[in-house]
Each structure stands twice: as C-alpha cells, then as structure tokens.
Amino acid sequence: MLQVGDLAVVNLDDDEESEQPYIGKVMEMKEEEVTIHWMRGGYQRPWKEWYNGCGRNRVPNCDTIPKQSILLFGFKLTRKGSLPKETVSTIKAAYED
C-alpha cells in the first residue's frame, strides 16, 4: 500500500518519449491524488531530491498528480543513491507497456 515517504515511479502521459523514469517521494496523499517531491537522476546516475532556488530560498520541486499515474512504489535507493538493478528492470518493463 502506498504511503507518505515512499519513492514512486510516475508515468507522465505528456512525455511519452522520455527514456528516463520520473521518480519522486510521496509527500502527501489524498483520496485520488498524491503530492510528489521530484528527484533528479538516471539509470546510471544517483538520484537526489530536486529543489528550486538556492540558499535559504530553496523549495522542494513538487507536483500533485493522480494516484493512477504511479507505476511502481515502495523501492529503496542504494547507499550511493542509485536504483537497484531489479528496480531498473521493473521500471524498463513498465515503460515498454
């Protein structure tokens, strides 16, 4: 069951040609939607939380999206911030569908 604090892979229909997954941390949940704090990274790069602004003006880059946009959740990053190999395989298979 999806919970606040889970990492999630999100399908954004408006960007069907993206080769990298959209990943974020669930910050808030409502009945039909969730607020996601986006992360930056890639299959071969570590993932880090994405902020806008700098210094004391930094704010999390968040969006509220429909729950049905979530493809995968409940996974963890490695100690170095990368996606585990099993998770990468699952994500790639989900994006092919």
C-alpha atoms as a PDB file:
ATOM      1  CA  MET A   1       0.000   0.000   0.000  1.00  0.00           C
ATOM      2  CA  LEU A   2       1.327   3.427  -0.996  1.00  0.00           C
ATOM      3  CA  GLN A   3       2.412   5.557   1.973  1.00  0.00           C
ATOM      4  CA  VAL A   4       3.824   9.019   2.632  1.00  0.00           C
ATOM      5  CA  GLY A   5       7.614   8.779   2.346  1.00  0.00           C
ATOM      6  CA  ASP A   6       7.594   6.056  -0.340  1.00  0.00           C
ATOM      7  CA  LEU A   7       9.611   6.524  -3.503  1.00  0.00           C
ATOM      8  CA  ALA A   8       7.481   6.159  -6.611  1.00  0.00           C
ATOM      9  CA  VAL A   9       7.957   5.847 -10.371  1.00  0.00           C
ATOM     10  CA  VAL A  10       5.459   8.035 -12.202  1.00  0.00           C
ATOM     11  CA  ASN A  11       4.102   7.804 -15.742  1.00  0.00           C
ATOM     12  CA  LEU A  12       3.592  11.248 -17.235  1.00  0.00           C
ATOM     13  CA  ASP A  13       1.417  10.796 -20.345  1.00  0.00           C
ATOM     14  CA  ASP A  14       2.529  14.142 -21.767  1.00  0.00           C
ATOM     15  CA  ASP A  15       6.133  12.904 -22.177  1.00  0.00           C
ATOM     16  CA  GLU A  16       5.876   9.506 -23.855  1.00  0.00           C
ATOM     17  CA  GLU A  17       9.312   9.757 -25.485  1.00  0.00           C
ATOM     18  CA  SER A  18      11.279  10.109 -22.258  1.00  0.00           C
ATOM     19  CA  GLU A  19      13.892   7.402 -21.802  1.00  0.00           C
ATOM     20  CA  GLN A  20      14.459   8.176 -18.126  1.00  0.00           C
ATOM     21  CA  PRO A  21      11.894   7.434 -15.442  1.00  0.00           C
ATOM     22  CA  TYR A  22      10.192  10.110 -13.375  1.00  0.00           C
ATOM     23  CA  ILE A  23      10.847   9.371  -9.721  1.00  0.00           C
ATOM     24  CA  GLY A  24       9.743  11.209  -6.627  1.00  0.00           C
ATOM     25  CA  LYS A  25       8.988  10.886  -2.948  1.00  0.00           C
ATOM     26  CA  VAL A  26       5.353  10.847  -1.808  1.00  0.00           C
ATOM     27  CA  MET A  27       4.862  13.876   0.433  1.00  0.00           C
ATOM     28  CA  GLU A  28       1.082  13.933   0.856  1.00  0.00           C
ATOM     29  CA  MET A  29      -1.796  11.654  -0.066  1.00  0.00           C
ATOM     30  CA  LYS A  30      -5.416  12.422  -0.744  1.00  0.00           C
ATOM     31  CA  GLU A  31      -8.167  10.119  -1.939  1.00  0.00           C
ATOM     32  CA  GLU A  32      -7.430  10.353  -5.686  1.00  0.00           C
ATOM     33  CA  GLU A  33      -4.107  12.209  -5.849  1.00  0.00           C
ATOM     34  CA  VAL A  34      -0.658  12.450  -4.303  1.00  0.00           C
ATOM     35  CA  THR A  35       1.896  15.229  -3.927  1.00  0.00           C
ATOM     36  CA  ILE A  36       5.302  14.179  -5.227  1.00  0.00           C
ATOM     37  CA  HIS A  37       8.674  15.775  -4.422  1.00  0.00           C
ATOM     38  CA  TRP A  38      10.570  15.137  -7.655  1.00  0.00           C
ATOM     39  CA  MET A  39      14.053  13.702  -7.797  1.00  0.00           C
ATOM     40  CA  ARG A  40      16.793  14.096 -10.414  1.00  0.00           C
ATOM     41  CA  GLY A  41      18.946  11.245 -11.621  1.00  0.00           C
ATOM     42  CA  GLY A  42      19.007   8.429 -14.122  1.00  0.00           C
ATOM     43  CA  TYR A  43      19.549   4.752 -14.664  1.00  0.00           C
ATOM     44  CA  GLN A  44      23.332   5.275 -14.484  1.00  0.00           C
ATOM     45  CA  ARG A  45      23.360   8.288 -12.133  1.00  0.00           C
ATOM     46  CA  PRO A  46      22.444   8.694  -8.462  1.00  0.00           C
ATOM     47  CA  TRP A  47      19.066  10.192  -7.554  1.00  0.00           C
ATOM     48  CA  LYS A  48      18.776  13.324  -5.403  1.00  0.00           C
ATOM     49  CA  GLU A  49      15.799  15.360  -4.282  1.00  0.00           C
ATOM     50  CA  TRP A  50      15.136  18.273  -6.643  1.00  0.00           C
ATOM     51  CA  TYR A  51      14.875  21.794  -5.254  1.00  0.00           C
ATOM     52  CA  ASN A  52      14.175  25.137  -6.928  1.00  0.00           C
ATOM     53  CA  GLY A  53      16.020  28.263  -5.857  1.00  0.00           C
ATOM     54  CA  CYS A  54      19.235  28.435  -3.872  1.00  0.00           C
ATOM     55  CA  GLY A  55      20.433  29.072  -0.356  1.00  0.00           C
ATOM     56  CA  ARG A  56      17.649  29.874   2.075  1.00  0.00           C
ATOM     57  CA  ASN A  57      15.240  30.300  -0.832  1.00  0.00           C
ATOM     58  CA  ARG A  58      15.341  26.613  -1.796  1.00  0.00           C
ATOM     59  CA  VAL A  59      11.925  24.985  -2.057  1.00  0.00           C
ATOM     60  CA  PRO A  60      11.096  21.394  -2.996  1.00  0.00           C
ATOM     61  CA  ASN A  61      10.068  20.870  -6.621  1.00  0.00           C
ATOM     62  CA  CYS A  62       6.645  19.261  -6.051  1.00  0.00           C
ATOM     63  CA  ASP A  63       3.545  18.494  -8.085  1.00  0.00           C
ATOM     64  CA  THR A  64       0.180  16.982  -7.291  1.00  0.00           C
ATOM     65  CA  ILE A  65      -0.619  14.096  -9.629  1.00  0.00           C
ATOM     66  CA  PRO A  66      -3.378  11.462  -9.954  1.00  0.00           C
ATOM     67  CA  LYS A  67      -2.708   8.259  -7.998  1.00  0.00           C
ATOM     68  CA  GLN A  68      -3.223   6.172 -11.140  1.00  0.00           C
ATOM     69  CA  SER A  69      -0.052   7.777 -12.623  1.00  0.00           C
ATOM     70  CA  ILE A  70       2.112   5.770 -10.235  1.00  0.00           C
ATOM     71  CA  LEU A  71       3.672   2.707 -11.889  1.00  0.00           C
ATOM     72  CA  LEU A  72       5.818   1.393  -9.039  1.00  0.00           C
ATOM     73  CA  PHE A  73       6.405   2.296  -5.396  1.00  0.00           C
ATOM     74  CA  GLY A  74       7.972   1.026  -2.202  1.00  0.00           C
ATOM     75  CA  PHE A  75      11.516   0.536  -3.510  1.00  0.00           C
ATOM     76  CA  LYS A  76      14.671   1.966  -1.940  1.00  0.00           C
ATOM     77  CA  LEU A  77      17.780   3.503  -3.441  1.00  0.00           C
ATOM     78  CA  THR A  78      21.226   2.004  -2.827  1.00  0.00           C
ATOM     79  CA  ARG A  79      23.615   3.628  -0.337  1.00  0.00           C
ATOM     80  CA  LYS A  80      25.052   5.638  -3.237  1.00  0.00           C
ATOM     81  CA  GLY A  81      21.597   6.880  -4.263  1.00  0.00           C
ATOM     82  CA  SER A  82      21.245   4.663  -7.334  1.00  0.00           C
ATOM     83  CA  LEU A  83      18.356   2.448  -8.375  1.00  0.00           C
ATOM     84  CA  PRO A  84      18.884  -1.267  -7.617  1.00  0.00           C
ATOM     85  CA  LYS A  85      19.232  -3.450 -10.741  1.00  0.00           C
ATOM     86  CA  GLU A  86      15.954  -5.258 -10.045  1.00  0.00           C
ATOM     87  CA  THR A  87      14.112  -1.939  -9.833  1.00  0.00           C
ATOM     88  CA  VAL A  88      15.675  -0.741 -13.111  1.00  0.00           C
ATOM     89  CA  SER A  89      14.454  -3.917 -14.855  1.00  0.00           C
ATOM     90  CA  THR A  90      10.951  -3.464 -13.456  1.00  0.00           C
ATOM     91  CA  ILE A  91      10.842   0.209 -14.492  1.00  0.00           C
ATOM     92  CA  LYS A  92      12.053  -0.507 -18.034  1.00  0.00           C
ATOM     93  CA  ALA A  93       9.427  -3.253 -18.420  1.00  0.00           C
ATOM     94  CA  ALA A  94       6.684  -0.898 -17.163  1.00  0.00           C
ATOM     95  CA  TYR A  95       7.722   1.854 -19.603  1.00  0.00           C
ATOM     96  CA  GLU A  96       7.624  -0.621 -22.515  1.00  0.00           C
ATOM     97  CA  ASP A  97       3.958  -1.464 -21.854  1.00  0.00           C
END
